[in-house]
Amino acid sequence: MAYQPRETAVHKSLLEVKKIGGVESKMAILNGTIAAALTMGMETLYMIPIAVFMHMFLRWMTRKDDQIIKIYGQYKVFADIYDPWPRRKMRTNSRPKGFSKGMLC
């Protein structure tokens, strides 16, 4: 009897990022919460168009790459060891193994 790998059907929605209005759910909730807090707290309505514009911007970014928020989150974590612009007077950094250790950056 030959080996046959097991196949399991996985629904596409389990592999995608959860979205609200085309934006990753965490960012949509954060945007809505900040907009509601500032609108009700300061009793002004000028925050609503800013929040709508911000949501449209986040939706545009998510349409380009639905993992973009996670990518920028990882850049934030590695910000102290990653500088994308090498300079002439820079010394080699002490990056961890696997992050171009020993290269000018």
Protein backbone atom coordinates (compact mmCIF):
# COMPACT_ATOMS: atom_id res chain seq x y z
CA MET A 1 0.00 0.00 0.00
CA ALA A 2 1.50 3.34 -1.09
CA TYR A 3 1.66 6.33 1.21
CA GLN A 4 -1.02 8.91 0.54
CA PRO A 5 -0.80 12.22 2.38
CA ARG A 6 -3.91 13.23 4.24
CA GLU A 7 -5.85 16.13 2.79
CA THR A 8 -8.02 18.41 4.84
CA ALA A 9 -10.27 21.07 3.40
CA VAL A 10 -9.64 24.52 4.88
CA HIS A 11 -12.09 27.32 4.28
CA LYS A 12 -10.57 30.45 2.73
CA SER A 13 -11.97 32.71 5.46
CA LEU A 14 -9.81 30.95 8.05
CA LEU A 15 -6.67 32.05 6.22
CA GLU A 16 -7.59 35.69 5.66
CA VAL A 17 -7.24 38.62 8.03
CA LYS A 18 -10.48 39.57 9.79
CA LYS A 19 -11.71 42.86 8.33
CA ILE A 20 -14.30 45.50 9.19
CA GLY A 21 -15.21 47.73 6.26
CA GLY A 22 -12.15 46.59 4.33
CA VAL A 23 -9.71 47.37 7.18
CA GLU A 24 -8.10 44.97 9.62
CA SER A 25 -10.48 44.69 12.56
CA LYS A 26 -8.04 45.94 15.22
CA MET A 27 -7.26 49.11 13.28
CA ALA A 28 -10.92 49.76 12.41
CA ILE A 29 -11.95 49.42 16.07
CA LEU A 30 -9.05 51.63 17.19
CA ASN A 31 -9.92 54.28 14.60
CA GLY A 32 -13.61 54.25 15.55
CA THR A 33 -12.89 54.36 19.29
CA ILE A 34 -10.51 57.32 19.00
CA ALA A 35 -12.94 59.16 16.71
CA ALA A 36 -15.88 58.56 19.06
CA ALA A 37 -13.89 59.55 22.15
CA LEU A 38 -12.60 62.78 20.60
CA THR A 39 -15.96 63.67 19.03
CA MET A 40 -17.95 63.12 22.22
CA GLY A 41 -15.23 64.29 24.60
CA MET A 42 -14.57 67.61 22.89
CA GLU A 43 -18.16 67.96 21.66
CA THR A 44 -17.07 68.85 18.14
CA LEU A 45 -17.86 67.20 14.84
CA TYR A 46 -14.62 67.93 12.98
CA MET A 47 -13.16 64.56 14.03
CA ILE A 48 -15.74 62.60 12.00
CA PRO A 49 -14.38 63.58 8.54
CA ILE A 50 -10.83 62.96 9.79
CA ALA A 51 -11.84 59.48 10.97
CA VAL A 52 -13.56 58.75 7.64
CA PHE A 53 -10.44 59.87 5.75
CA MET A 54 -8.27 57.75 8.06
CA HIS A 55 -10.50 54.73 7.44
CA MET A 56 -10.26 55.27 3.68
CA PHE A 57 -6.46 55.52 3.95
CA LEU A 58 -6.27 52.32 6.02
CA ARG A 59 -8.56 50.60 3.51
CA TRP A 60 -6.28 51.66 0.66
CA MET A 61 -3.25 50.30 2.53
CA THR A 62 -5.05 47.04 3.32
CA ARG A 63 -6.11 46.63 -0.31
CA LYS A 64 -2.44 46.80 -1.36
CA ASP A 65 -1.34 44.23 1.25
CA ASP A 66 -3.68 42.77 3.87
CA GLN A 67 -0.76 41.97 6.21
CA ILE A 68 0.57 45.56 6.22
CA ILE A 69 -0.39 46.33 9.84
CA LYS A 70 1.50 43.26 11.06
CA ILE A 71 4.50 44.18 8.90
CA TYR A 72 4.69 47.71 10.34
CA GLY A 73 4.24 46.23 13.81
CA GLN A 74 7.33 44.08 13.25
CA TYR A 75 9.27 47.10 11.96
CA LYS A 76 8.30 48.90 15.17
CA VAL A 77 9.72 46.04 17.24
CA PHE A 78 13.01 45.97 15.31
CA ALA A 79 13.30 49.76 15.02
CA ASP A 80 16.28 49.97 17.37
CA ILE A 81 18.35 47.52 15.32
CA TYR A 82 17.22 48.30 11.77
CA ASP A 83 18.16 51.47 9.93
CA PRO A 84 17.29 51.25 6.23
CA TRP A 85 19.65 54.03 5.17
CA PRO A 86 23.34 53.15 5.51
CA ARG A 87 25.56 56.14 6.13
CA ARG A 88 29.26 56.61 5.54
CA LYS A 89 30.18 57.24 9.20
CA MET A 90 28.09 54.38 10.57
CA ARG A 91 29.82 51.56 12.35
CA THR A 92 28.64 48.01 12.05
CA ASN A 93 25.73 47.29 14.30
CA SER A 94 25.14 44.43 16.69
CA ARG A 95 22.21 42.79 14.98
CA PRO A 96 21.06 39.36 16.02
CA LYS A 97 22.07 36.36 13.92
CA GLY A 98 20.08 36.20 10.70
CA PHE A 99 19.54 39.97 10.42
CA SER A 100 22.60 40.72 8.23
CA LYS A 101 24.96 40.70 11.20
CA GLY A 102 28.26 42.41 10.47
CA MET A 103 27.01 44.47 7.51
CA LEU A 104 27.14 48.24 7.35
CA CYS A 105 23.76 49.59 8.24
